Structures are given as structure tokens and as C-alpha cells.
Amino acid sequence: MQQTSKPETAETMKPPAVPAAVDRRVLHRLRRAQGQLAAVIAAVEDSRPCREVVMQLAAVSSALDRAGVVYLSNAMQECLSTPAELRAEGDPSPDEFEKLLLMLT
């Protein structure tokens, strides 16, 4: 008896996972920000000079912004290369990416 396979639908087909290289880049940036935030906390607790604290805060902010850009860039590429019917529920539409990008600026 020959088995027939069911046709794939939007529910059974999932978009490709985030490439490992992107995950590594985003996680690296987030871990860097985490370390920089720990340094900011320590600097405030140690009553370090204002300039030092502000410079470390700027570094944390920059690291988070860069992680957001890398993550959003990958999501946009995935969205544009995946047909709408195959996108996961909750994934941003192409129109929503502009709003997400503005959140990072």
C-alpha cells in the first residue's frame, strides 16, 4: 500500500530559522552590552566620575542599538524572502518594519 503525503500548508511549512551567524552576532552584541551595563552599575556604586559613567552608558546604548539593527535587518530579509502565507504568526509585516526601525532611532 502506497502512502500519500499531505500537501504542505502554511501551518506545516515554517519559515527558515534565524541563521546561526546572525544569532551569534546578536548574542555577542547583547553580551557585550550586558558586560558594559555591569561596568556602569559598578561605576555608579563606586561614585566614579560623571564622564566615565556617561561614556559607559553611551557604550551600552550603542551596543544595544547595533544588536537591534542586526536583528531587525535579518528579520526584514526573512520577511521579504518568505511568502506572506508562510510567515509565522506575530511576525511583522513589511509595513511594520518601518515602525520597528524608528524604535531603534
C-alpha atoms as a PDB file:
ATOM      1  CA  MET A   1       0.000   0.000   0.000  1.00  0.00           C
ATOM      2  CA  GLN A   2       1.419   3.353  -1.047  1.00  0.00           C
ATOM      3  CA  GLN A   3       1.395   6.157   1.459  1.00  0.00           C
ATOM      4  CA  THR A   4       0.255   9.514   0.251  1.00  0.00           C
ATOM      5  CA  SER A   5       1.781  12.569   1.791  1.00  0.00           C
ATOM      6  CA  LYS A   6      -0.309  15.513   2.787  1.00  0.00           C
ATOM      7  CA  PRO A   7       0.322  18.728   0.888  1.00  0.00           C
ATOM      8  CA  GLU A   8       2.204  21.273   2.902  1.00  0.00           C
ATOM      9  CA  THR A   9       0.227  24.233   4.134  1.00  0.00           C
ATOM     10  CA  ALA A  10       1.119  27.470   5.858  1.00  0.00           C
ATOM     11  CA  GLU A  11       0.663  25.679   9.195  1.00  0.00           C
ATOM     12  CA  THR A  12       3.010  22.816   8.340  1.00  0.00           C
ATOM     13  CA  MET A  13       5.644  24.858   6.497  1.00  0.00           C
ATOM     14  CA  LYS A  14       7.659  27.099   8.722  1.00  0.00           C
ATOM     15  CA  PRO A  15       9.961  29.888   7.588  1.00  0.00           C
ATOM     16  CA  PRO A  16      13.662  29.170   7.950  1.00  0.00           C
ATOM     17  CA  ALA A  17      15.154  29.736  11.369  1.00  0.00           C
ATOM     18  CA  VAL A  18      17.416  32.685  12.015  1.00  0.00           C
ATOM     19  CA  PRO A  19      20.842  31.789  10.641  1.00  0.00           C
ATOM     20  CA  ALA A  20      23.331  30.787  13.311  1.00  0.00           C
ATOM     21  CA  ALA A  21      25.738  33.523  12.200  1.00  0.00           C
ATOM     22  CA  VAL A  22      23.104  36.183  12.906  1.00  0.00           C
ATOM     23  CA  ASP A  23      22.289  34.618  16.267  1.00  0.00           C
ATOM     24  CA  ARG A  24      25.972  34.690  17.177  1.00  0.00           C
ATOM     25  CA  ARG A  25      26.355  38.320  16.105  1.00  0.00           C
ATOM     26  CA  VAL A  26      23.281  39.455  18.037  1.00  0.00           C
ATOM     27  CA  LEU A  27      24.160  37.431  21.131  1.00  0.00           C
ATOM     28  CA  HIS A  28      27.743  38.726  21.038  1.00  0.00           C
ATOM     29  CA  ARG A  29      26.494  42.304  20.968  1.00  0.00           C
ATOM     30  CA  LEU A  30      23.972  41.651  23.740  1.00  0.00           C
ATOM     31  CA  ARG A  31      26.597  40.024  25.945  1.00  0.00           C
ATOM     32  CA  ARG A  32      28.914  42.961  25.310  1.00  0.00           C
ATOM     33  CA  ALA A  33      26.119  45.326  26.365  1.00  0.00           C
ATOM     34  CA  GLN A  34      25.485  43.188  29.443  1.00  0.00           C
ATOM     35  CA  GLY A  35      29.136  43.489  30.450  1.00  0.00           C
ATOM     36  CA  GLN A  36      29.133  47.221  29.794  1.00  0.00           C
ATOM     37  CA  LEU A  37      25.970  47.630  31.868  1.00  0.00           C
ATOM     38  CA  ALA A  38      27.638  45.775  34.744  1.00  0.00           C
ATOM     39  CA  ALA A  39      30.531  48.234  34.448  1.00  0.00           C
ATOM     40  CA  VAL A  40      28.097  51.174  34.565  1.00  0.00           C
ATOM     41  CA  ILE A  41      26.451  49.803  37.690  1.00  0.00           C
ATOM     42  CA  ALA A  42      29.831  49.277  39.329  1.00  0.00           C
ATOM     43  CA  ALA A  43      30.931  52.785  38.327  1.00  0.00           C
ATOM     44  CA  VAL A  44      27.815  54.335  39.868  1.00  0.00           C
ATOM     45  CA  GLU A  45      28.199  52.240  43.029  1.00  0.00           C
ATOM     46  CA  ASP A  46      31.848  53.326  43.267  1.00  0.00           C
ATOM     47  CA  SER A  47      30.953  57.003  42.690  1.00  0.00           C
ATOM     48  CA  ARG A  48      33.144  57.153  39.599  1.00  0.00           C
ATOM     49  CA  PRO A  49      33.421  60.464  37.733  1.00  0.00           C
ATOM     50  CA  CYS A  50      30.407  61.574  35.699  1.00  0.00           C
ATOM     51  CA  ARG A  51      32.332  61.456  32.413  1.00  0.00           C
ATOM     52  CA  GLU A  52      33.238  57.798  32.942  1.00  0.00           C
ATOM     53  CA  VAL A  53      29.656  56.796  33.792  1.00  0.00           C
ATOM     54  CA  VAL A  54      28.189  58.663  30.817  1.00  0.00           C
ATOM     55  CA  MET A  55      30.752  57.167  28.427  1.00  0.00           C
ATOM     56  CA  GLN A  56      29.896  53.677  29.653  1.00  0.00           C
ATOM     57  CA  LEU A  57      26.169  54.400  29.331  1.00  0.00           C
ATOM     58  CA  ALA A  58      26.747  55.527  25.746  1.00  0.00           C
ATOM     59  CA  ALA A  59      28.635  52.294  25.046  1.00  0.00           C
ATOM     60  CA  VAL A  60      25.750  50.214  26.417  1.00  0.00           C
ATOM     61  CA  SER A  61      23.248  52.156  24.362  1.00  0.00           C
ATOM     62  CA  SER A  62      25.339  51.768  21.208  1.00  0.00           C
ATOM     63  CA  ALA A  63      25.786  48.023  21.716  1.00  0.00           C
ATOM     64  CA  LEU A  64      22.028  47.564  22.174  1.00  0.00           C
ATOM     65  CA  ASP A  65      21.250  49.689  19.114  1.00  0.00           C
ATOM     66  CA  ARG A  66      23.648  47.654  16.996  1.00  0.00           C
ATOM     67  CA  ALA A  67      22.148  44.388  18.217  1.00  0.00           C
ATOM     68  CA  GLY A  68      18.700  45.717  17.337  1.00  0.00           C
ATOM     69  CA  VAL A  69      19.797  46.726  13.847  1.00  0.00           C
ATOM     70  CA  VAL A  70      21.377  43.337  13.134  1.00  0.00           C
ATOM     71  CA  TYR A  71      18.322  41.516  14.453  1.00  0.00           C
ATOM     72  CA  LEU A  72      15.867  43.728  12.566  1.00  0.00           C
ATOM     73  CA  SER A  73      17.895  43.544   9.364  1.00  0.00           C
ATOM     74  CA  ASN A  74      17.788  39.762   9.435  1.00  0.00           C
ATOM     75  CA  ALA A  75      14.063  39.764  10.189  1.00  0.00           C
ATOM     76  CA  MET A  76      13.445  42.092   7.243  1.00  0.00           C
ATOM     77  CA  GLN A  77      15.431  39.855   4.907  1.00  0.00           C
ATOM     78  CA  GLU A  78      13.496  36.817   6.104  1.00  0.00           C
ATOM     79  CA  CYS A  79      10.180  38.612   5.769  1.00  0.00           C
ATOM     80  CA  LEU A  80      10.880  39.783   2.246  1.00  0.00           C
ATOM     81  CA  SER A  81      12.047  36.350   1.120  1.00  0.00           C
ATOM     82  CA  THR A  82       9.196  34.387   2.751  1.00  0.00           C
ATOM     83  CA  PRO A  83       5.739  34.416   1.179  1.00  0.00           C
ATOM     84  CA  ALA A  84       3.123  36.042   3.414  1.00  0.00           C
ATOM     85  CA  GLU A  85       1.171  32.802   3.850  1.00  0.00           C
ATOM     86  CA  LEU A  86       4.267  31.038   5.233  1.00  0.00           C
ATOM     87  CA  ARG A  87       5.272  33.659   7.787  1.00  0.00           C
ATOM     88  CA  ALA A  88       4.885  32.792  11.436  1.00  0.00           C
ATOM     89  CA  GLU A  89       2.024  34.356  13.323  1.00  0.00           C
ATOM     90  CA  GLY A  90       3.169  37.512  15.022  1.00  0.00           C
ATOM     91  CA  ASP A  91       5.960  38.204  12.526  1.00  0.00           C
ATOM     92  CA  PRO A  92       5.968  41.832  11.443  1.00  0.00           C
ATOM     93  CA  SER A  93       4.557  42.719   8.060  1.00  0.00           C
ATOM     94  CA  PRO A  94       6.735  44.690   5.668  1.00  0.00           C
ATOM     95  CA  ASP A  95       4.798  47.828   6.665  1.00  0.00           C
ATOM     96  CA  GLU A  96       5.537  47.268  10.362  1.00  0.00           C
ATOM     97  CA  PHE A  97       9.298  47.230   9.806  1.00  0.00           C
ATOM     98  CA  GLU A  98       9.375  50.998   9.383  1.00  0.00           C
ATOM     99  CA  LYS A  99       7.837  51.441  12.829  1.00  0.00           C
ATOM    100  CA  LEU A 100      10.273  48.934  14.338  1.00  0.00           C
ATOM    101  CA  LEU A 101      13.207  50.698  12.717  1.00  0.00           C
ATOM    102  CA  LEU A 102      12.046  54.027  14.128  1.00  0.00           C
ATOM    103  CA  MET A 103      12.013  52.475  17.604  1.00  0.00           C
ATOM    104  CA  LEU A 104      15.760  51.966  17.291  1.00  0.00           C
ATOM    105  CA  THR A 105      16.488  55.561  16.362  1.00  0.00           C
END
